[in-house]
Every structure is written in structure tokens, then in C-alpha cells.
Amino acid sequence: MSVPRPIDVLYFAALRERMGLHSERIELPDGVETVGRLAQFLEASRPGLRGVLGSVRFAVGDEFVDAERVLAAGDVVALIPPVSGG
């Protein structure tokens, strides 16, 4: 039996529009230990995110992180798309 590992995922800008929500609590499934695995899980399980997470920056707490960052229960993960403008 696995130990529950809830995290909060925050969606910003265009991702918020695609998802239709600001945030959600996710129970990390077995095998999803890192930010990179989380991105794969989200693309597979959230149709609004398919094909767009390659250019998204991930932050845990107040720090930008890479795909190897290990996730822990209670983490707050922000998905921040590239900003365009002029």
C-alpha cells in the first residue's frame, strides 16, 4: 500500500485558461517522484496540457526547478508558461 502524497499544482496565464482552473490538489501516483515525471503524468491525464508542457517552467515553492527535482507531499508546484508581449 502506498503512502498518500498530495501536492498542489498552480496554473498560470494560458495554462489557467486551458485548464479552466487556478489550481488543483493532486495525489501523486506511484512512479511520479520528480518534476519531470509529474509533467509526463499531467500531459497524459489532463487533455488541456497535452503537448504544451515542454516550454513551461516549473517552480516548487519560490524556486524554479529542473526536471530532476524530487517532489514531496505538501509541495506547491507552479506551472508558468513562457510570457510573450511587446
PDB file of N, CA and C in Angstrom:
ATOM      1  N   MET A   1       0.844  -1.192   0.000  1.00  0.00           N
ATOM      2  CA  MET A   1       0.000   0.000   0.000  1.00  0.00           C
ATOM      3  C   MET A   1       0.881   1.244   0.000  1.00  0.00           C
ATOM      4  N   SER A   2       0.577   2.182  -0.852  1.00  0.00           N
ATOM      5  CA  SER A   2       1.404   3.378  -0.956  1.00  0.00           C
ATOM      6  C   SER A   2       0.943   4.448   0.025  1.00  0.00           C
ATOM      7  N   VAL A   3       1.884   5.305   0.372  1.00  0.00           N
ATOM      8  CA  VAL A   3       1.611   6.410   1.276  1.00  0.00           C
ATOM      9  C   VAL A   3       1.048   7.573   0.469  1.00  0.00           C
ATOM     10  N   PRO A   4      -0.036   8.203   0.910  1.00  0.00           N
ATOM     11  CA  PRO A   4      -0.583   9.349   0.171  1.00  0.00           C
ATOM     12  C   PRO A   4       0.453  10.475   0.058  1.00  0.00           C
ATOM     13  N   ARG A   5       0.544  11.053  -1.136  1.00  0.00           N
ATOM     14  CA  ARG A   5       1.472  12.162  -1.377  1.00  0.00           C
ATOM     15  C   ARG A   5       0.744  13.258  -2.131  1.00  0.00           C
ATOM     16  N   PRO A   6      -0.055  14.054  -1.416  1.00  0.00           N
ATOM     17  CA  PRO A   6      -0.762  15.145  -2.103  1.00  0.00           C
ATOM     18  C   PRO A   6       0.161  16.335  -2.357  1.00  0.00           C
ATOM     19  N   ILE A   7      -0.012  16.934  -3.530  1.00  0.00           N
ATOM     20  CA  ILE A   7       0.657  18.193  -3.840  1.00  0.00           C
ATOM     21  C   ILE A   7      -0.391  19.148  -4.403  1.00  0.00           C
ATOM     22  N   ASP A   8      -0.084  20.421  -4.388  1.00  0.00           N
ATOM     23  CA  ASP A   8      -0.941  21.417  -5.021  1.00  0.00           C
ATOM     24  C   ASP A   8      -0.258  21.894  -6.292  1.00  0.00           C
ATOM     25  N   VAL A   9      -1.013  21.933  -7.376  1.00  0.00           N
ATOM     26  CA  VAL A   9      -0.499  22.398  -8.661  1.00  0.00           C
ATOM     27  C   VAL A   9      -1.204  23.706  -9.000  1.00  0.00           C
ATOM     28  N   LEU A  10      -0.421  24.735  -9.277  1.00  0.00           N
ATOM     29  CA  LEU A  10      -0.950  26.060  -9.620  1.00  0.00           C
ATOM     30  C   LEU A  10      -0.740  26.298 -11.112  1.00  0.00           C
ATOM     31  N   TYR A  11      -1.777  26.763 -11.779  1.00  0.00           N
ATOM     32  CA  TYR A  11      -1.710  27.044 -13.216  1.00  0.00           C
ATOM     33  C   TYR A  11      -1.740  28.552 -13.439  1.00  0.00           C
ATOM     34  N   PHE A  12      -0.831  29.049 -14.269  1.00  0.00           N
ATOM     35  CA  PHE A  12      -0.747  30.477 -14.539  1.00  0.00           C
ATOM     36  C   PHE A  12      -1.002  30.773 -16.009  1.00  0.00           C
ATOM     37  N   ALA A  13      -1.485  31.987 -16.275  1.00  0.00           N
ATOM     38  CA  ALA A  13      -1.660  32.552 -17.626  1.00  0.00           C
ATOM     39  C   ALA A  13      -2.433  31.604 -18.537  1.00  0.00           C
ATOM     40  N   ALA A  14      -1.866  31.295 -19.704  1.00  0.00           N
ATOM     41  CA  ALA A  14      -2.572  30.484 -20.710  1.00  0.00           C
ATOM     42  C   ALA A  14      -2.913  29.093 -20.186  1.00  0.00           C
ATOM     43  N   LEU A  15      -2.104  28.565 -19.279  1.00  0.00           N
ATOM     44  CA  LEU A  15      -2.403  27.235 -18.730  1.00  0.00           C
ATOM     45  C   LEU A  15      -3.671  27.276 -17.884  1.00  0.00           C
ATOM     46  N   ARG A  16      -3.857  28.363 -17.176  1.00  0.00           N
ATOM     47  CA  ARG A  16      -5.081  28.542 -16.382  1.00  0.00           C
ATOM     48  C   ARG A  16      -6.297  28.531 -17.304  1.00  0.00           C
ATOM     49  N   GLU A  17      -6.193  29.207 -18.435  1.00  0.00           N
ATOM     50  CA  GLU A  17      -7.293  29.238 -19.394  1.00  0.00           C
ATOM     51  C   GLU A  17      -7.539  27.856 -19.994  1.00  0.00           C
ATOM     52  N   ARG A  18      -6.466  27.152 -20.349  1.00  0.00           N
ATOM     53  CA  ARG A  18      -6.600  25.813 -20.928  1.00  0.00           C
ATOM     54  C   ARG A  18      -7.263  24.844 -19.945  1.00  0.00           C
ATOM     55  N   MET A  19      -6.884  24.950 -18.683  1.00  0.00           N
ATOM     56  CA  MET A  19      -7.381  24.014 -17.676  1.00  0.00           C
ATOM     57  C   MET A  19      -8.747  24.420 -17.128  1.00  0.00           C
ATOM     58  N   GLY A  20      -9.037  25.718 -17.179  1.00  0.00           N
ATOM     59  CA  GLY A  20     -10.291  26.190 -16.611  1.00  0.00           C
ATOM     60  C   GLY A  20     -10.277  26.222 -15.093  1.00  0.00           C
ATOM     61  N   LEU A  21      -9.067  26.204 -14.517  1.00  0.00           N
ATOM     62  CA  LEU A  21      -8.943  26.335 -13.061  1.00  0.00           C
ATOM     63  C   LEU A  21      -7.605  26.938 -12.689  1.00  0.00           C
ATOM     64  N   HIS A  22      -7.588  27.508 -11.496  1.00  0.00           N
ATOM     65  CA  HIS A  22      -6.378  28.164 -10.992  1.00  0.00           C
ATOM     66  C   HIS A  22      -5.409  27.163 -10.371  1.00  0.00           C
ATOM     67  N   SER A  23      -5.984  26.150  -9.724  1.00  0.00           N
ATOM     68  CA  SER A  23      -5.153  25.184  -9.017  1.00  0.00           C
ATOM     69  C   SER A  23      -5.932  23.898  -8.803  1.00  0.00           C
ATOM     70  N   GLU A  24      -5.191  22.872  -8.448  1.00  0.00           N
ATOM     71  CA  GLU A  24      -5.829  21.614  -8.066  1.00  0.00           C
ATOM     72  C   GLU A  24      -4.895  20.846  -7.158  1.00  0.00           C
ATOM     73  N   ARG A  25      -5.494  20.039  -6.302  1.00  0.00           N
ATOM     74  CA  ARG A  25      -4.724  19.138  -5.448  1.00  0.00           C
ATOM     75  C   ARG A  25      -4.664  17.802  -6.164  1.00  0.00           C
ATOM     76  N   ILE A  26      -3.455  17.276  -6.263  1.00  0.00           N
ATOM     77  CA  ILE A  26      -3.228  16.006  -6.950  1.00  0.00           C
ATOM     78  C   ILE A  26      -2.570  15.034  -5.972  1.00  0.00           C
ATOM     79  N   GLU A  27      -3.046  13.825  -5.991  1.00  0.00           N
ATOM     80  CA  GLU A  27      -2.413  12.740  -5.254  1.00  0.00           C
ATOM     81  C   GLU A  27      -1.390  12.117  -6.201  1.00  0.00           C
ATOM     82  N   LEU A  28      -0.107  12.250  -5.876  1.00  0.00           N
ATOM     83  CA  LEU A  28       0.924  11.725  -6.770  1.00  0.00           C
ATOM     84  C   LEU A  28       0.811  10.201  -6.852  1.00  0.00           C
ATOM     85  N   PRO A  29       0.681   9.680  -8.069  1.00  0.00           N
ATOM     86  CA  PRO A  29       0.626   8.226  -8.203  1.00  0.00           C
ATOM     87  C   PRO A  29       2.014   7.610  -8.032  1.00  0.00           C
ATOM     88  N   ASP A  30       2.042   6.311  -7.765  1.00  0.00           N
ATOM     89  CA  ASP A  30       3.320   5.600  -7.685  1.00  0.00           C
ATOM     90  C   ASP A  30       4.095   5.825  -8.971  1.00  0.00           C
ATOM     91  N   GLY A  31       5.392   6.042  -8.844  1.00  0.00           N
ATOM     92  CA  GLY A  31       6.234   6.257 -10.008  1.00  0.00           C
ATOM     93  C   GLY A  31       6.427   7.717 -10.367  1.00  0.00           C
ATOM     94  N   VAL A  32       5.623   8.595  -9.806  1.00  0.00           N
ATOM     95  CA  VAL A  32       5.776  10.031 -10.065  1.00  0.00           C
ATOM     96  C   VAL A  32       6.521  10.629  -8.870  1.00  0.00           C
ATOM     97  N   GLU A  33       7.849  10.685  -9.030  1.00  0.00           N
ATOM     98  CA  GLU A  33       8.714  11.125  -7.931  1.00  0.00           C
ATOM     99  C   GLU A  33       9.356  12.477  -8.190  1.00  0.00           C
ATOM    100  N   THR A  34       9.448  12.863  -9.478  1.00  0.00           N
ATOM    101  CA  THR A  34      10.173  14.077  -9.849  1.00  0.00           C
ATOM    102  C   THR A  34       9.267  15.014 -10.648  1.00  0.00           C
ATOM    103  N   VAL A  35       9.735  16.239 -10.828  1.00  0.00           N
ATOM    104  CA  VAL A  35       9.007  17.219 -11.638  1.00  0.00           C
ATOM    105  C   VAL A  35       8.856  16.712 -13.072  1.00  0.00           C
ATOM    106  N   GLY A  36       9.880  16.085 -13.614  1.00  0.00           N
ATOM    107  CA  GLY A  36       9.805  15.546 -14.970  1.00  0.00           C
ATOM    108  C   GLY A  36       8.717  14.493 -15.107  1.00  0.00           C
ATOM    109  N   ARG A  37       8.630  13.608 -14.127  1.00  0.00           N
ATOM    110  CA  ARG A  37       7.579  12.578 -14.133  1.00  0.00           C
ATOM    111  C   ARG A  37       6.205  13.208 -13.925  1.00  0.00           C
ATOM    112  N   LEU A  38       6.147  14.260 -13.124  1.00  0.00           N
ATOM    113  CA  LEU A  38       4.881  14.971 -12.942  1.00  0.00           C
ATOM    114  C   LEU A  38       4.419  15.559 -14.266  1.00  0.00           C
ATOM    115  N   ALA A  39       5.331  16.151 -15.025  1.00  0.00           N
ATOM    116  CA  ALA A  39       4.978  16.719 -16.323  1.00  0.00           C
ATOM    117  C   ALA A  39       4.422  15.635 -17.242  1.00  0.00           C
ATOM    118  N   GLN A  40       5.058  14.473 -17.259  1.00  0.00           N
ATOM    119  CA  GLN A  40       4.567  13.367 -18.081  1.00  0.00           C
ATOM    120  C   GLN A  40       3.176  12.925 -17.631  1.00  0.00           C
ATOM    121  N   PHE A  41       2.990  12.808 -16.330  1.00  0.00           N
ATOM    122  CA  PHE A  41       1.692  12.417 -15.778  1.00  0.00           C
ATOM    123  C   PHE A  41       0.607  13.424 -16.148  1.00  0.00           C
ATOM    124  N   LEU A  42       0.915  14.721 -15.991  1.00  0.00           N
ATOM    125  CA  LEU A  42      -0.076  15.750 -16.300  1.00  0.00           C
ATOM    126  C   LEU A  42      -0.437  15.754 -17.785  1.00  0.00           C
ATOM    127  N   GLU A  43       0.553  15.613 -18.653  1.00  0.00           N
ATOM    128  CA  GLU A  43       0.261  15.584 -20.098  1.00  0.00           C
ATOM    129  C   GLU A  43      -0.593  14.378 -20.464  1.00  0.00           C
ATOM    130  N   ALA A  44      -0.384  13.268 -19.789  1.00  0.00           N
ATOM    131  CA  ALA A  44      -1.150  12.050 -20.091  1.00  0.00           C
ATOM    132  C   ALA A  44      -2.562  12.094 -19.504  1.00  0.00           C
ATOM    133  N   SER A  45      -2.729  12.782 -18.380  1.00  0.00           N
ATOM    134  CA  SER A  45      -4.014  12.729 -17.679  1.00  0.00           C
ATOM    135  C   SER A  45      -4.852  13.997 -17.797  1.00  0.00           C
ATOM    136  N   ARG A  46      -4.291  15.069 -18.326  1.00  0.00           N
ATOM    137  CA  ARG A  46      -5.006  16.337 -18.462  1.00  0.00           C
ATOM    138  C   ARG A  46      -4.991  16.752 -19.931  1.00  0.00           C
ATOM    139  N   PRO A  47      -6.083  16.511 -20.660  1.00  0.00           N
ATOM    140  CA  PRO A  47      -6.102  16.832 -22.094  1.00  0.00           C
ATOM    141  C   PRO A  47      -5.708  18.278 -22.404  1.00  0.00           C
ATOM    142  N   GLY A  48      -6.037  19.226 -21.533  1.00  0.00           N
ATOM    143  CA  GLY A  48      -5.706  20.628 -21.777  1.00  0.00           C
ATOM    144  C   GLY A  48      -4.218  20.923 -21.738  1.00  0.00           C
ATOM    145  N   LEU A  49      -3.425  19.980 -21.239  1.00  0.00           N
ATOM    146  CA  LEU A  49      -1.983  20.207 -21.119  1.00  0.00           C
ATOM    147  C   LEU A  49      -1.170  19.431 -22.142  1.00  0.00           C
ATOM    148  N   ARG A  50      -1.829  18.623 -22.934  1.00  0.00           N
ATOM    149  CA  ARG A  50      -1.100  17.787 -23.897  1.00  0.00           C
ATOM    150  C   ARG A  50      -0.319  18.635 -24.889  1.00  0.00           C
ATOM    151  N   GLY A  51       0.972  18.328 -24.989  1.00  0.00           N
ATOM    152  CA  GLY A  51       1.822  18.973 -25.972  1.00  0.00           C
ATOM    153  C   GLY A  51       2.299  20.368 -25.631  1.00  0.00           C
ATOM    154  N   VAL A  52       2.001  20.862 -24.438  1.00  0.00           N
ATOM    155  CA  VAL A  52       2.402  22.242 -24.127  1.00  0.00           C
ATOM    156  C   VAL A  52       3.404  22.359 -22.978  1.00  0.00           C
ATOM    157  N   LEU A  53       3.664  21.294 -22.260  1.00  0.00           N
ATOM    158  CA  LEU A  53       4.498  21.428 -21.066  1.00  0.00           C
ATOM    159  C   LEU A  53       5.995  21.474 -21.362  1.00  0.00           C
ATOM    160  N   GLY A  54       6.402  21.218 -22.598  1.00  0.00           N
ATOM    161  CA  GLY A  54       7.817  21.282 -22.948  1.00  0.00           C
ATOM    162  C   GLY A  54       8.418  22.665 -22.779  1.00  0.00           C
ATOM    163  N   SER A  55       7.610  23.707 -22.941  1.00  0.00           N
ATOM    164  CA  SER A  55       8.125  25.078 -22.833  1.00  0.00           C
ATOM    165  C   SER A  55       7.758  25.734 -21.500  1.00  0.00           C
ATOM    166  N   VAL A  56       7.115  24.988 -20.617  1.00  0.00           N
ATOM    167  CA  VAL A  56       6.666  25.530 -19.334  1.00  0.00           C
ATOM    168  C   VAL A  56       7.785  25.442 -18.306  1.00  0.00           C
ATOM    169  N   ARG A  57       7.883  26.472 -17.465  1.00  0.00           N
ATOM    170  CA  ARG A  57       8.822  26.431 -16.330  1.00  0.00           C
ATOM    171  C   ARG A  57       8.066  25.958 -15.105  1.00  0.00           C
ATOM    172  N   PHE A  58       8.745  25.176 -14.308  1.00  0.00           N
ATOM    173  CA  PHE A  58       8.167  24.649 -13.076  1.00  0.00           C
ATOM    174  C   PHE A  58       8.859  25.300 -11.887  1.00  0.00           C
ATOM    175  N   ALA A  59       8.072  25.641 -10.894  1.00  0.00           N
ATOM    176  CA  ALA A  59       8.622  26.167  -9.648  1.00  0.00           C
ATOM    177  C   ALA A  59       8.021  25.363  -8.502  1.00  0.00           C
ATOM    178  N   VAL A  60       8.848  25.087  -7.518  1.00  0.00           N
ATOM    179  CA  VAL A  60       8.379  24.451  -6.291  1.00  0.00           C
ATOM    180  C   VAL A  60       8.664  25.445  -5.182  1.00  0.00           C
ATOM    181  N   GLY A  61       7.602  25.833  -4.472  1.00  0.00           N
ATOM    182  CA  GLY A  61       7.757  26.911  -3.511  1.00  0.00           C
ATOM    183  C   GLY A  61       8.077  28.181  -4.273  1.00  0.00           C
ATOM    184  N   ASP A  62       9.167  28.826  -3.941  1.00  0.00           N
ATOM    185  CA  ASP A  62       9.560  30.074  -4.594  1.00  0.00           C
ATOM    186  C   ASP A  62      10.754  29.902  -5.530  1.00  0.00           C
ATOM    187  N   GLU A  63      11.088  28.651  -5.888  1.00  0.00           N
ATOM    188  CA  GLU A  63      12.273  28.404  -6.701  1.00  0.00           C
ATOM    189  C   GLU A  63      11.922  27.718  -8.007  1.00  0.00           C
ATOM    190  N   PHE A  64      12.514  28.204  -9.102  1.00  0.00           N
ATOM    191  CA  PHE A  64      12.419  27.467 -10.354  1.00  0.00           C
ATOM    192  C   PHE A  64      13.253  26.200 -10.191  1.00  0.00           C
ATOM    193  N   VAL A  65      12.741  25.099 -10.729  1.00  0.00           N
ATOM    194  CA  VAL A  65      13.413  23.811 -10.565  1.00  0.00           C
ATOM    195  C   VAL A  65      13.524  23.110 -11.912  1.00  0.00           C
ATOM    196  N   ASP A  66      14.424  22.123 -11.971  1.00  0.00           N
ATOM    197  CA  ASP A  66      14.559  21.334 -13.199  1.00  0.00           C
ATOM    198  C   ASP A  66      13.775  20.033 -13.056  1.00  0.00           C
ATOM    199  N   ALA A  67      13.808  19.242 -14.106  1.00  0.00           N
ATOM    200  CA  ALA A  67      13.003  18.021 -14.172  1.00  0.00           C
ATOM    201  C   ALA A  67      13.416  16.979 -13.139  1.00  0.00           C
ATOM    202  N   GLU A  68      14.629  17.081 -12.621  1.00  0.00           N
ATOM    203  CA  GLU A  68      15.121  16.085 -11.667  1.00  0.00           C
ATOM    204  C   GLU A  68      14.715  16.373 -10.221  1.00  0.00           C
ATOM    205  N   ARG A  69      14.108  17.511  -9.985  1.00  0.00           N
ATOM    206  CA  ARG A  69      13.721  17.879  -8.612  1.00  0.00           C
ATOM    207  C   ARG A  69      12.746  16.844  -8.062  1.00  0.00           C
ATOM    208  N   VAL A  70      13.073  16.263  -6.917  1.00  0.00           N
ATOM    209  CA  VAL A  70      12.222  15.263  -6.277  1.00  0.00           C
ATOM    210  C   VAL A  70      11.073  15.972  -5.567  1.00  0.00           C
ATOM    211  N   LEU A  71       9.875  15.432  -5.726  1.00  0.00           N
ATOM    212  CA  LEU A  71       8.680  16.006  -5.105  1.00  0.00           C
ATOM    213  C   LEU A  71       8.377  15.322  -3.777  1.00  0.00           C
ATOM    214  N   ALA A  72       7.790  16.080  -2.864  1.00  0.00           N
ATOM    215  CA  ALA A  72       7.401  15.560  -1.559  1.00  0.00           C
ATOM    216  C   ALA A  72       5.954  15.950  -1.273  1.00  0.00           C
ATOM    217  N   ALA A  73       5.319  15.185  -0.414  1.00  0.00           N
ATOM    218  CA  ALA A  73       3.956  15.509  -0.008  1.00  0.00           C
ATOM    219  C   ALA A  73       3.916  16.938   0.511  1.00  0.00           C
ATOM    220  N   GLY A  74       2.897  17.675   0.099  1.00  0.00           N
ATOM    221  CA  GLY A  74       2.737  19.052   0.550  1.00  0.00           C
ATOM    222  C   GLY A  74       3.395  20.093  -0.327  1.00  0.00           C
ATOM    223  N   ASP A  75       4.176  19.666  -1.319  1.00  0.00           N
ATOM    224  CA  ASP A  75       4.807  20.641  -2.219  1.00  0.00           C
ATOM    225  C   ASP A  75       3.734  21.427  -2.976  1.00  0.00           C
ATOM    226  N   VAL A  76       4.075  22.672  -3.297  1.00  0.00           N
ATOM    227  CA  VAL A  76       3.246  23.506  -4.161  1.00  0.00           C
ATOM    228  C   VAL A  76       4.040  23.720  -5.441  1.00  0.00           C
ATOM    229  N   VAL A  77       3.492  23.219  -6.544  1.00  0.00           N
ATOM    230  CA  VAL A  77       4.189  23.249  -7.827  1.00  0.00           C
ATOM    231  C   VAL A  77       3.456  24.224  -8.754  1.00  0.00           C
ATOM    232  N   ALA A  78       4.168  25.239  -9.206  1.00  0.00           N
ATOM    233  CA  ALA A  78       3.582  26.230 -10.126  1.00  0.00           C
ATOM    234  C   ALA A  78       4.044  25.922 -11.537  1.00  0.00           C
ATOM    235  N   LEU A  79       3.106  25.956 -12.481  1.00  0.00           N
ATOM    236  CA  LEU A  79       3.395  25.785 -13.898  1.00  0.00           C
ATOM    237  C   LEU A  79       3.272  27.145 -14.556  1.00  0.00           C
ATOM    238  N   ILE A  80       4.396  27.639 -15.080  1.00  0.00           N
ATOM    239  CA  ILE A  80       4.456  29.005 -15.602  1.00  0.00           C
ATOM    240  C   ILE A  80       4.843  28.956 -17.084  1.00  0.00           C
ATOM    241  N   PRO A  81       3.905  29.278 -17.966  1.00  0.00           N
ATOM    242  CA  PRO A  81       4.218  29.245 -19.394  1.00  0.00           C
ATOM    243  C   PRO A  81       5.101  30.430 -19.782  1.00  0.00           C
ATOM    244  N   PRO A  82       5.734  30.335 -20.957  1.00  0.00           N
ATOM    245  CA  PRO A  82       6.534  31.473 -21.423  1.00  0.00           C
ATOM    246  C   PRO A  82       5.646  32.693 -21.610  1.00  0.00           C
ATOM    247  N   VAL A  83       6.213  33.837 -21.349  1.00  0.00           N
ATOM    248  CA  VAL A  83       5.466  35.092 -21.478  1.00  0.00           C
ATOM    249  C   VAL A  83       5.865  35.743 -22.798  1.00  0.00           C
ATOM    250  N   SER A  84       4.870  36.183 -23.528  1.00  0.00           N
ATOM    251  CA  SER A  84       5.163  36.911 -24.761  1.00  0.00           C
ATOM    252  C   SER A  84       4.529  38.290 -24.656  1.00  0.00           C
ATOM    253  N   GLY A  85       5.028  39.172 -25.431  1.00  0.00           N
ATOM    254  CA  GLY A  85       4.466  40.508 -25.398  1.00  0.00           C
ATOM    255  C   GLY A  85       5.462  41.495 -25.971  1.00  0.00           C
ATOM    256  N   GLY A  86       5.097  42.727 -25.890  1.00  0.00           N
ATOM    257  CA  GLY A  86       5.963  43.701 -26.522  1.00  0.00           C
ATOM    258  C   GLY A  86       6.014  44.953 -25.829  1.00  0.00           C
TER     259      GLY A  86
END
